Amino acid sequence: MKKILIILSLLFVHVGIQAQINWLNTYEVEGAPFVNFHEKLPDGNYFIAFNKSLTGTPSILKVSPEGDIIWERNLGLESGRFMGLRFTADGNMVALIKALDLELIKMDLDANIIWSQAYEYDSSWSVSQNQLGVLSDGGFLISGQIQIGFGQSSDMAILRTDALGNLIWEKQFFFGIDSLAEREVANFAMELNNGNIIVAGKLLNDMAFIQLDANGNLIWEQIIDHEGSSYEVPTKITPSCDPNLFYVSGFLSINNKLRPFLSKMDSEGNEIWSNYYGAGTNAELTSSMHVLDDDGIIMTFCNNVEDKYSGLVVKVDAEGNELCSFVFDAPEMFETRPKSINEEPDGSYFLSGYVVACENSCSDRQIFAMNISSLCANSQEVCISTNLSNTLISDNVMEVAPNPSRGDFKLSTEHARSGVTLIKIYNSSGQIMLIKKMNSLEAGEIISFDRNKWRPGLYFVKIEGHKSDQMIKVVVQ
């Protein structure tokens, strides 16, 4: 295997905003890899799941948060497409593979197989990519569709297994009274806080939701059709910081252009808000979303312009407001297709996917991983946490040095402040770590802080005064 390191000063392009790129690596592996998704491990490393061709050998590339290769291994199957990869509560991983049958494979963090279970289904049963849910009892949910008749129609299909992959139940659902009349797909299933199961899918051109009890019995069904949209596909559900709420991401068609969307919903299927993003983009494929500590969302998409794919990253606050979006391309590559994104402890973001070196569906593909230090870096009004939601980041009037810091750091301000001023330091969860009271604050005055009692991570230094508040981020290593 060959790794290529590319150092960039600017990869993202957005009017008035830049994101600092720490590194971007491409990895040449055997075959023409299709990256499906990645999963972050408890030790901070990543499993990048890929096939050596569209349905070739399912394999895993383990890399460090810095992008260094730890190992590459396959799962012992000659063919079969990766359809899901999830971390389990007992510290292992489980993978879902679609070959002739569905196969659920449990492995340790060195990709050693613990057990595997095969579910025999004919070609009428298909599963959506990255649609493997993990249950609180250690079991799993698999969602997809069953073709009806001559394949023009389909019903939603859900499987539930125990922690060893043994099938507990299989359910099939359709809306209306005629299963043969409609095409329905279950794109994702997730367990709610009360033990019920929410399923997101599509009915013809609309979003469709059902809620089941733990035994797979239908509680309610809901169809959502957004005004102005001619086509809607939900592709993923993820929990909100509020256990009674969840997010749904996907894409919809507005004026014949596909746009990424995000909805926030309650456990009864009521939509709290919905929005679409990326003005001027054509986000044909929804790749990944990650919930931030402040209940905001960071999402990645494949952006299609004249049949050329670029990467698209969108950052959204907890109310659905777009903070910033970026379209990017890997250097010297014809297409860039990000598949997953995660937040790192220092506030940066880790992305992975694959790149294509030439036009016309060529097979010259490589895996990529990258790290960006910030998003919305120059935005003047970015809320950062539910506990700090009324405070604005303002990098132009405050300075922390050194940042990142391995020891003490110093704070200085551009403008003087009269009257009592409070300096507070929060951790990434919004907990106050230190309060310092100043009777006044002079322009250029330097204030020293000792971080010896703090763990490495992301912190926020906030200055509170009678007129305005400012805040700056600092990374402690």
Protein backbone atom coordinates (compact mmCIF):
# COMPACT_ATOMS: atom_id res chain seq x y z
CA MET A 1 0.00 0.00 0.00
CA LYS A 2 1.20 3.48 -0.80
CA LYS A 3 0.31 6.65 1.08
CA ILE A 4 0.61 10.08 -0.50
CA LEU A 5 0.73 13.11 1.80
CA ILE A 6 -0.53 16.39 0.39
CA ILE A 7 -0.02 19.59 2.40
CA LEU A 8 -2.49 22.33 1.49
CA SER A 9 -2.93 25.88 2.64
CA LEU A 10 -6.44 26.10 1.21
CA LEU A 11 -8.73 23.40 -0.05
CA PHE A 12 -12.20 24.72 0.72
CA VAL A 13 -13.60 27.61 -1.30
CA HIS A 14 -16.43 29.79 -0.04
CA VAL A 15 -16.98 33.51 -0.41
CA GLY A 16 -15.24 35.33 2.45
CA ILE A 17 -14.49 32.18 4.46
CA GLN A 18 -11.52 29.82 4.53
CA ALA A 19 -10.87 26.59 6.42
CA GLN A 20 -7.35 25.65 7.44
CA ILE A 21 -6.31 22.24 6.13
CA ASN A 22 -3.93 20.39 8.42
CA TRP A 23 -3.31 17.50 6.04
CA LEU A 24 -4.82 15.44 3.23
CA ASN A 25 -3.63 11.90 2.49
CA THR A 26 -4.48 9.60 -0.38
CA TYR A 27 -3.92 5.84 -0.11
CA GLU A 28 -3.30 3.59 -3.09
CA VAL A 29 -4.65 0.11 -2.40
CA GLU A 30 -5.12 -2.94 -4.59
CA GLY A 31 -8.01 -2.66 -7.03
CA ALA A 32 -10.21 0.38 -7.56
CA PRO A 33 -11.61 1.09 -4.08
CA PHE A 34 -15.07 2.41 -3.25
CA VAL A 35 -15.09 3.90 0.26
CA ASN A 36 -18.43 3.43 1.99
CA PHE A 37 -17.99 5.10 5.41
CA HIS A 38 -15.73 5.25 8.44
CA GLU A 39 -16.27 4.58 12.12
CA LYS A 40 -14.36 6.20 14.95
CA LEU A 41 -12.88 3.86 17.58
CA PRO A 42 -12.63 4.50 21.35
CA ASP A 43 -8.86 4.93 21.07
CA GLY A 44 -9.34 7.75 18.55
CA ASN A 45 -8.29 5.72 15.50
CA TYR A 46 -10.59 5.10 12.51
CA PHE A 47 -11.84 2.10 10.56
CA ILE A 48 -12.35 3.14 6.92
CA ALA A 49 -14.62 0.55 5.27
CA PHE A 50 -14.17 0.03 1.53
CA ASN A 51 -14.61 -2.45 -1.29
CA LYS A 52 -11.75 -3.16 -3.71
CA SER A 53 -14.25 -2.63 -6.50
CA LEU A 54 -17.96 -1.82 -6.42
CA THR A 55 -18.74 -5.26 -4.97
CA GLY A 56 -15.16 -6.54 -4.57
CA THR A 57 -13.44 -7.79 -1.44
CA PRO A 58 -14.82 -5.98 1.67
CA SER A 59 -11.81 -4.50 3.46
CA ILE A 60 -10.88 -2.15 6.28
CA LEU A 61 -8.13 0.44 6.44
CA LYS A 62 -7.23 1.40 10.00
CA VAL A 63 -5.67 4.86 10.29
CA SER A 64 -4.69 7.15 13.13
CA PRO A 65 -6.30 10.57 13.69
CA GLU A 66 -3.22 11.99 11.97
CA GLY A 67 -3.87 9.86 8.86
CA ASP A 68 -1.07 7.33 9.38
CA ILE A 69 -1.81 3.79 8.22
CA ILE A 70 -1.95 1.24 11.02
CA TRP A 71 -3.00 -1.74 8.88
CA GLU A 72 -5.17 -2.89 5.98
CA ARG A 73 -7.19 -6.13 6.24
CA ASN A 74 -10.05 -7.86 4.45
CA LEU A 75 -12.94 -9.75 6.01
CA GLY A 76 -12.27 -13.06 4.28
CA LEU A 77 -14.96 -12.65 1.60
CA GLU A 78 -14.20 -12.63 -2.12
CA SER A 79 -17.09 -10.29 -2.86
CA GLY A 80 -19.93 -8.43 -1.20
CA ARG A 81 -20.63 -4.77 -0.63
CA PHE A 82 -20.14 -3.02 2.72
CA MET A 83 -23.58 -1.86 3.87
CA GLY A 84 -22.88 -0.93 7.48
CA LEU A 85 -20.14 -0.67 10.11
CA ARG A 86 -20.88 0.16 13.74
CA PHE A 87 -19.06 0.20 17.08
CA THR A 88 -20.66 -2.00 19.76
CA ALA A 89 -21.00 -1.45 23.50
CA ASP A 90 -18.64 -4.34 24.32
CA GLY A 91 -15.76 -2.62 22.53
CA ASN A 92 -15.92 -4.48 19.22
CA MET A 93 -17.22 -3.73 15.71
CA VAL A 94 -19.97 -5.24 13.59
CA ALA A 95 -20.14 -5.08 9.79
CA LEU A 96 -23.08 -5.68 7.43
CA ILE A 97 -22.18 -7.15 4.03
CA LYS A 98 -24.55 -7.70 1.09
CA ALA A 99 -23.42 -10.50 -1.21
CA LEU A 100 -25.61 -13.41 -2.31
CA ASP A 101 -26.99 -13.28 1.22
CA LEU A 102 -26.92 -10.65 3.94
CA GLU A 103 -24.04 -11.30 6.33
CA LEU A 104 -23.49 -9.78 9.75
CA ILE A 105 -19.87 -10.04 10.96
CA LYS A 106 -18.61 -9.18 14.44
CA MET A 107 -14.90 -8.47 14.82
CA ASP A 108 -12.46 -7.10 17.35
CA LEU A 109 -10.51 -3.88 16.79
CA ASP A 110 -7.83 -5.79 14.88
CA ALA A 111 -10.47 -7.14 12.44
CA ASN A 112 -10.29 -10.66 13.86
CA ILE A 113 -13.68 -12.35 13.26
CA ILE A 114 -15.61 -13.18 16.46
CA TRP A 115 -18.73 -14.54 14.74
CA SER A 116 -20.71 -14.19 11.55
CA GLN A 117 -24.36 -14.76 10.70
CA ALA A 118 -25.82 -15.17 7.22
CA TYR A 119 -29.44 -14.42 6.33
CA GLU A 120 -30.60 -16.18 3.19
CA TYR A 121 -32.72 -13.96 0.96
CA ASP A 122 -33.39 -14.01 -2.74
CA SER A 123 -32.65 -11.13 -5.07
CA SER A 124 -35.93 -9.40 -4.17
CA TRP A 125 -34.49 -8.35 -0.78
CA SER A 126 -32.09 -5.40 -0.82
CA VAL A 127 -30.62 -3.23 1.91
CA SER A 128 -29.73 0.46 1.82
CA GLN A 129 -26.11 1.48 2.35
CA ASN A 130 -24.96 2.37 5.88
CA GLN A 131 -28.29 1.22 7.31
CA LEU A 132 -27.20 -0.82 10.31
CA GLY A 133 -28.62 0.19 13.68
CA VAL A 134 -27.30 -0.85 17.11
CA LEU A 135 -29.83 -1.53 19.89
CA SER A 136 -29.51 -0.92 23.63
CA ASP A 137 -29.69 -4.68 24.31
CA GLY A 138 -26.70 -5.27 22.03
CA GLY A 139 -28.80 -6.41 19.08
CA PHE A 140 -29.00 -4.92 15.59
CA LEU A 141 -31.49 -3.43 13.12
CA ILE A 142 -31.20 -3.92 9.36
CA SER A 143 -33.44 -1.91 7.05
CA GLY A 144 -34.15 -2.16 3.33
CA GLN A 145 -36.85 -3.19 0.88
CA ILE A 146 -38.52 -6.28 -0.57
CA GLN A 147 -39.48 -6.13 -4.23
CA ILE A 148 -43.08 -7.04 -5.02
CA GLY A 149 -44.42 -8.56 -8.23
CA PHE A 150 -42.07 -7.92 -11.16
CA GLY A 151 -39.87 -5.47 -9.25
CA GLN A 152 -41.76 -2.27 -10.03
CA SER A 153 -43.04 -2.04 -6.44
CA SER A 154 -41.50 -2.71 -3.05
CA ASP A 155 -42.33 -2.72 0.66
CA MET A 156 -40.30 -1.52 3.62
CA ALA A 157 -38.41 -4.38 5.30
CA ILE A 158 -36.89 -4.43 8.81
CA LEU A 159 -34.90 -7.17 10.56
CA ARG A 160 -34.10 -7.31 14.27
CA THR A 161 -31.41 -9.58 15.72
CA ASP A 162 -30.04 -10.31 19.16
CA ALA A 163 -26.47 -9.51 20.24
CA LEU A 164 -25.20 -12.70 18.56
CA GLY A 165 -26.88 -11.92 15.27
CA ASN A 166 -29.70 -14.43 15.70
CA LEU A 167 -32.86 -13.30 13.91
CA ILE A 168 -35.63 -12.25 16.35
CA TRP A 169 -38.17 -10.93 13.84
CA GLU A 170 -38.57 -9.79 10.27
CA LYS A 171 -41.28 -7.28 9.34
CA GLN A 172 -42.66 -5.95 6.08
CA PHE A 173 -44.73 -2.76 5.80
CA PHE A 174 -46.55 -0.80 3.12
CA PHE A 175 -48.63 2.39 3.14
CA GLY A 176 -52.18 2.42 1.86
CA ILE A 177 -54.16 -0.65 0.87
CA ASP A 178 -52.31 -1.98 -2.18
CA SER A 179 -48.74 -3.17 -1.74
CA LEU A 180 -48.35 -3.65 -5.51
CA ALA A 181 -49.18 -0.02 -6.31
CA GLU A 182 -46.28 1.77 -4.65
CA ARG A 183 -42.51 1.70 -4.24
CA GLU A 184 -41.47 1.98 -0.60
CA VAL A 185 -37.99 1.74 0.90
CA ALA A 186 -36.79 1.70 4.51
CA ASN A 187 -33.56 3.72 4.45
CA PHE A 188 -32.71 3.73 8.15
CA ALA A 189 -34.03 2.37 11.47
CA MET A 190 -33.05 3.65 14.91
CA GLU A 191 -34.04 2.77 18.48
CA LEU A 192 -35.63 5.60 20.47
CA ASN A 193 -35.06 6.33 24.14
CA ASN A 194 -38.29 4.49 25.11
CA GLY A 195 -37.30 1.30 23.29
CA ASN A 196 -39.52 1.90 20.27
CA ILE A 197 -38.06 1.99 16.77
CA ILE A 198 -38.30 4.84 14.27
CA VAL A 199 -37.91 4.00 10.58
CA ALA A 200 -37.23 6.60 7.88
CA GLY A 201 -37.76 5.81 4.23
CA LYS A 202 -39.51 6.94 1.08
CA LEU A 203 -42.89 6.37 -0.51
CA LEU A 204 -42.72 7.19 -4.22
CA ASN A 205 -41.32 10.75 -4.10
CA ASP A 206 -42.14 11.61 -0.47
CA MET A 207 -40.53 10.93 2.91
CA ALA A 208 -42.22 8.18 4.90
CA PHE A 209 -41.83 7.37 8.60
CA ILE A 210 -43.14 4.55 10.77
CA GLN A 211 -42.75 3.85 14.47
CA LEU A 212 -42.67 0.29 15.78
CA ASP A 213 -42.66 -1.16 19.26
CA ALA A 214 -39.80 -3.43 20.35
CA ASN A 215 -41.61 -6.43 18.84
CA GLY A 216 -42.00 -4.80 15.44
CA ASN A 217 -45.68 -3.90 15.77
CA LEU A 218 -46.78 -0.72 13.98
CA ILE A 219 -47.61 2.23 16.27
CA TRP A 220 -48.03 5.00 13.69
CA GLU A 221 -47.10 5.97 10.14
CA GLN A 222 -46.41 9.42 8.70
CA ILE A 223 -45.84 10.83 5.22
CA ILE A 224 -44.10 14.19 4.80
CA ASP A 225 -44.13 16.17 1.56
CA HIS A 226 -42.30 19.51 1.66
CA GLU A 227 -43.81 22.29 -0.40
CA GLY A 228 -41.78 23.09 -3.50
CA SER A 229 -40.00 19.76 -3.53
CA SER A 230 -40.69 17.20 -6.25
CA TYR A 231 -38.53 14.41 -4.86
CA GLU A 232 -37.30 13.63 -1.32
CA VAL A 233 -35.00 10.91 -0.03
CA PRO A 234 -34.10 10.60 3.68
CA THR A 235 -30.83 8.71 4.02
CA LYS A 236 -29.91 8.81 7.69
CA ILE A 237 -31.35 9.31 11.18
CA THR A 238 -29.21 10.29 14.15
CA PRO A 239 -30.16 11.18 17.75
CA SER A 240 -30.25 14.76 18.94
CA CYS A 241 -28.66 15.79 22.24
CA ASP A 242 -32.27 15.76 23.46
CA PRO A 243 -33.24 12.05 23.77
CA ASN A 244 -36.81 12.83 22.63
CA LEU A 245 -35.68 14.37 19.34
CA PHE A 246 -33.76 13.19 16.30
CA TYR A 247 -32.33 14.49 13.04
CA VAL A 248 -33.10 13.25 9.53
CA SER A 249 -30.78 14.12 6.64
CA GLY A 250 -31.05 13.43 2.93
CA PHE A 251 -31.61 15.26 -0.31
CA LEU A 252 -34.61 16.75 -2.11
CA SER A 253 -35.27 18.23 -5.52
CA ILE A 254 -35.92 21.99 -5.74
CA ASN A 255 -36.38 23.38 -9.26
CA ASN A 256 -34.78 20.24 -10.71
CA LYS A 257 -31.69 20.65 -8.55
CA LEU A 258 -30.91 18.22 -5.75
CA ARG A 259 -30.19 19.94 -2.44
CA PRO A 260 -29.07 18.57 0.94
CA PHE A 261 -31.76 18.86 3.61
CA LEU A 262 -31.98 18.40 7.37
CA SER A 263 -35.09 17.98 9.51
CA LYS A 264 -35.46 17.90 13.29
CA MET A 265 -38.32 15.71 14.50
CA ASP A 266 -39.88 14.50 17.73
CA SER A 267 -40.61 10.88 18.64
CA GLU A 268 -44.21 11.21 17.39
CA GLY A 269 -43.13 12.04 13.86
CA ASN A 270 -43.82 15.78 14.10
CA GLU A 271 -41.39 17.95 12.19
CA ILE A 272 -40.00 20.75 14.37
CA TRP A 273 -38.14 22.41 11.52
CA SER A 274 -36.76 21.52 8.11
CA ASN A 275 -34.31 23.30 5.87
CA TYR A 276 -32.21 22.74 2.77
CA TYR A 277 -28.68 23.98 2.22
CA GLY A 278 -25.81 24.71 -0.12
CA ALA A 279 -27.05 27.44 -2.45
CA GLY A 280 -25.90 26.74 -5.99
CA THR A 281 -25.07 23.12 -5.25
CA ASN A 282 -26.47 19.89 -6.64
CA ALA A 283 -25.96 17.46 -3.75
CA GLU A 284 -26.86 14.22 -5.39
CA LEU A 285 -25.60 11.97 -2.60
CA THR A 286 -25.94 12.43 1.14
CA SER A 287 -22.88 10.94 2.77
CA SER A 288 -22.73 11.58 6.51
CA MET A 289 -23.82 13.78 9.38
CA HIS A 290 -22.32 14.21 12.83
CA VAL A 291 -24.02 15.83 15.84
CA LEU A 292 -21.84 18.39 17.63
CA ASP A 293 -21.72 19.08 21.36
CA ASP A 294 -23.99 22.11 20.94
CA ASP A 295 -26.61 19.97 19.10
CA GLY A 296 -25.60 21.52 15.80
CA ILE A 297 -24.78 19.34 12.80
CA ILE A 298 -21.85 18.99 10.44
CA MET A 299 -22.72 17.20 7.19
CA THR A 300 -20.82 15.98 4.12
CA PHE A 301 -22.25 15.49 0.65
CA CYS A 302 -21.17 14.71 -2.89
CA ASN A 303 -21.81 17.79 -5.01
CA ASN A 304 -22.59 17.03 -8.67
CA VAL A 305 -21.90 19.74 -11.24
CA GLU A 306 -22.08 18.63 -14.88
CA ASP A 307 -21.41 15.02 -13.86
CA LYS A 308 -18.29 15.94 -11.89
CA TYR A 309 -18.36 15.28 -8.16
CA SER A 310 -16.82 17.58 -5.58
CA GLY A 311 -16.96 17.46 -1.80
CA LEU A 312 -19.50 19.57 0.06
CA VAL A 313 -19.45 20.28 3.81
CA VAL A 314 -22.31 22.10 5.53
CA LYS A 315 -22.36 23.29 9.15
CA VAL A 316 -25.75 23.96 10.76
CA ASP A 317 -26.73 25.19 14.23
CA ALA A 318 -29.31 23.53 16.51
CA GLU A 319 -32.13 25.58 14.95
CA GLY A 320 -31.32 24.53 11.39
CA ASN A 321 -29.59 27.77 10.37
CA GLU A 322 -26.71 27.30 7.94
CA LEU A 323 -23.52 28.72 9.41
CA CYS A 324 -21.33 28.01 6.40
CA SER A 325 -20.85 25.60 3.50
CA PHE A 326 -17.84 24.67 1.41
CA VAL A 327 -17.30 22.96 -1.93
CA PHE A 328 -13.87 21.39 -2.35
CA ASP A 329 -11.75 19.26 -4.66
CA ALA A 330 -8.64 17.20 -3.95
CA PRO A 331 -5.69 18.49 -6.02
CA GLU A 332 -5.04 16.82 -9.40
CA MET A 333 -8.18 14.68 -9.08
CA PHE A 334 -11.19 14.76 -11.37
CA GLU A 335 -13.70 13.81 -8.64
CA THR A 336 -13.75 14.04 -4.85
CA ARG A 337 -16.38 12.05 -2.94
CA PRO A 338 -16.40 12.45 0.86
CA LYS A 339 -18.28 9.74 2.73
CA SER A 340 -17.95 10.39 6.49
CA ILE A 341 -17.01 13.15 8.94
CA ASN A 342 -16.22 13.21 12.68
CA GLU A 343 -15.21 15.87 15.16
CA GLU A 344 -11.82 15.50 16.86
CA PRO A 345 -11.16 16.42 20.55
CA ASP A 346 -9.31 19.58 19.48
CA GLY A 347 -12.33 20.83 17.52
CA SER A 348 -10.97 19.88 14.09
CA TYR A 349 -12.75 17.49 11.70
CA PHE A 350 -11.68 14.17 10.20
CA LEU A 351 -13.12 13.28 6.78
CA SER A 352 -12.70 10.24 4.55
CA GLY A 353 -13.90 9.10 1.14
CA TYR A 354 -12.43 8.39 -2.26
CA VAL A 355 -11.09 10.36 -5.21
CA VAL A 356 -11.17 9.61 -8.94
CA ALA A 357 -8.22 10.63 -11.10
CA CYS A 358 -9.87 10.69 -14.54
CA GLU A 359 -13.16 11.17 -16.41
CA ASN A 360 -15.77 8.81 -17.83
CA SER A 361 -16.15 6.42 -14.88
CA CYS A 362 -12.50 5.37 -14.92
CA SER A 363 -11.21 2.89 -12.36
CA ASP A 364 -8.28 5.00 -11.13
CA ARG A 365 -9.64 5.51 -7.61
CA GLN A 366 -7.86 6.13 -4.31
CA ILE A 367 -8.95 6.37 -0.68
CA PHE A 368 -8.49 9.76 0.96
CA ALA A 369 -8.56 11.07 4.51
CA MET A 370 -8.12 14.65 5.63
CA ASN A 371 -8.23 16.91 8.66
CA ILE A 372 -9.46 20.50 8.73
CA SER A 373 -8.81 22.68 11.76
CA SER A 374 -12.00 24.72 11.67
CA LEU A 375 -15.19 25.52 9.82
CA CYS A 376 -16.79 28.96 9.62
CA ALA A 377 -13.35 30.10 10.74
CA ASN A 378 -13.90 33.76 9.90
CA SER A 379 -17.61 33.94 10.65
CA GLN A 380 -18.31 36.68 13.14
CA GLU A 381 -21.33 35.12 14.82
CA VAL A 382 -21.06 31.40 15.60
CA CYS A 383 -22.84 29.93 18.61
CA ILE A 384 -20.75 27.18 20.17
CA SER A 385 -22.68 25.39 22.91
CA THR A 386 -26.12 25.17 24.47
CA ASN A 387 -24.69 26.54 27.72
CA LEU A 388 -22.92 29.34 25.85
CA SER A 389 -25.56 30.03 23.23
CA ASN A 390 -25.71 33.78 23.76
CA THR A 391 -21.97 34.28 23.31
CA LEU A 392 -20.31 35.01 19.99
CA ILE A 393 -16.89 33.89 18.83
CA SER A 394 -14.81 36.93 17.95
CA ASP A 395 -11.27 36.15 16.88
CA ASN A 396 -10.38 39.67 15.78
CA VAL A 397 -10.38 41.37 19.22
CA MET A 398 -8.85 38.62 21.40
CA GLU A 399 -5.69 36.57 21.14
CA VAL A 400 -4.46 33.48 23.00
CA ALA A 401 -0.83 32.46 22.69
CA PRO A 402 0.44 29.89 22.25
CA ASN A 403 -2.57 28.14 20.71
CA PRO A 404 -2.46 25.14 20.73
CA SER A 405 -0.75 25.18 24.12
CA ARG A 406 1.31 22.50 25.83
CA GLY A 407 1.70 24.55 29.00
CA ASP A 408 0.55 27.94 30.22
CA PHE A 409 -1.10 30.36 27.82
CA LYS A 410 -1.66 34.10 27.77
CA LEU A 411 -4.71 36.17 26.80
CA SER A 412 -4.58 39.68 25.38
CA THR A 413 -7.32 41.96 24.04
CA GLU A 414 -7.29 44.66 21.39
CA HIS A 415 -9.69 47.04 23.18
CA ALA A 416 -9.81 48.32 26.75
CA ARG A 417 -12.80 47.49 28.96
CA SER A 418 -13.92 49.70 31.81
CA GLY A 419 -15.77 48.42 34.87
CA VAL A 420 -15.89 44.91 36.26
CA THR A 421 -14.96 42.23 33.72
CA LEU A 422 -15.20 38.46 34.22
CA ILE A 423 -12.92 36.06 32.39
CA LYS A 424 -14.36 32.55 32.29
CA ILE A 425 -12.88 29.37 30.86
CA TYR A 426 -15.23 26.57 29.78
CA ASN A 427 -14.52 23.04 28.65
CA SER A 428 -16.14 21.65 25.48
CA SER A 429 -19.21 20.50 27.47
CA GLY A 430 -19.90 24.04 28.69
CA GLN A 431 -18.65 23.43 32.26
CA ILE A 432 -16.92 26.43 33.89
CA MET A 433 -13.33 25.54 34.73
CA LEU A 434 -12.13 28.94 35.98
CA ILE A 435 -13.48 32.43 36.74
CA LYS A 436 -11.19 35.45 37.07
CA LYS A 437 -12.55 38.86 38.12
CA MET A 438 -10.92 42.04 36.78
CA ASN A 439 -11.87 45.56 37.88
CA SER A 440 -10.81 46.79 34.45
CA LEU A 441 -9.03 45.48 31.38
CA GLU A 442 -6.54 47.58 29.46
CA ALA A 443 -5.91 47.27 25.72
CA GLY A 444 -3.01 44.91 25.14
CA GLU A 445 -2.98 43.77 28.77
CA ILE A 446 -1.63 40.21 29.05
CA ILE A 447 -3.28 37.75 31.44
CA SER A 448 -1.59 34.42 32.17
CA PHE A 449 -3.37 31.14 32.88
CA ASP A 450 -2.03 27.90 34.28
CA ARG A 451 -3.65 24.88 32.64
CA ASN A 452 -1.99 22.23 34.85
CA LYS A 453 -5.32 21.15 36.37
CA TRP A 454 -7.03 20.74 32.98
CA ARG A 455 -7.08 17.75 30.68
CA PRO A 456 -6.02 18.08 27.04
CA GLY A 457 -8.90 19.16 24.82
CA LEU A 458 -10.87 22.12 23.47
CA TYR A 459 -11.63 25.07 25.80
CA PHE A 460 -13.36 28.44 25.41
CA VAL A 461 -12.09 31.64 26.98
CA LYS A 462 -14.93 34.11 27.48
CA ILE A 463 -14.72 37.78 28.48
CA GLU A 464 -17.93 39.14 30.03
CA GLY A 465 -18.47 42.87 30.38
CA HIS A 466 -21.35 45.29 30.79
CA LYS A 467 -21.47 46.10 27.07
CA SER A 468 -20.59 42.91 25.19
CA ASP A 469 -19.16 39.42 25.50
CA GLN A 470 -16.44 37.84 23.38
CA MET A 471 -15.02 34.35 23.26
CA ILE A 472 -12.07 32.54 21.71
CA LYS A 473 -11.21 28.87 21.40
CA VAL A 474 -7.97 27.41 22.79
CA VAL A 475 -6.63 23.88 22.40
CA VAL A 476 -4.74 22.35 25.32
CA GLN A 477 -2.47 19.48 24.35
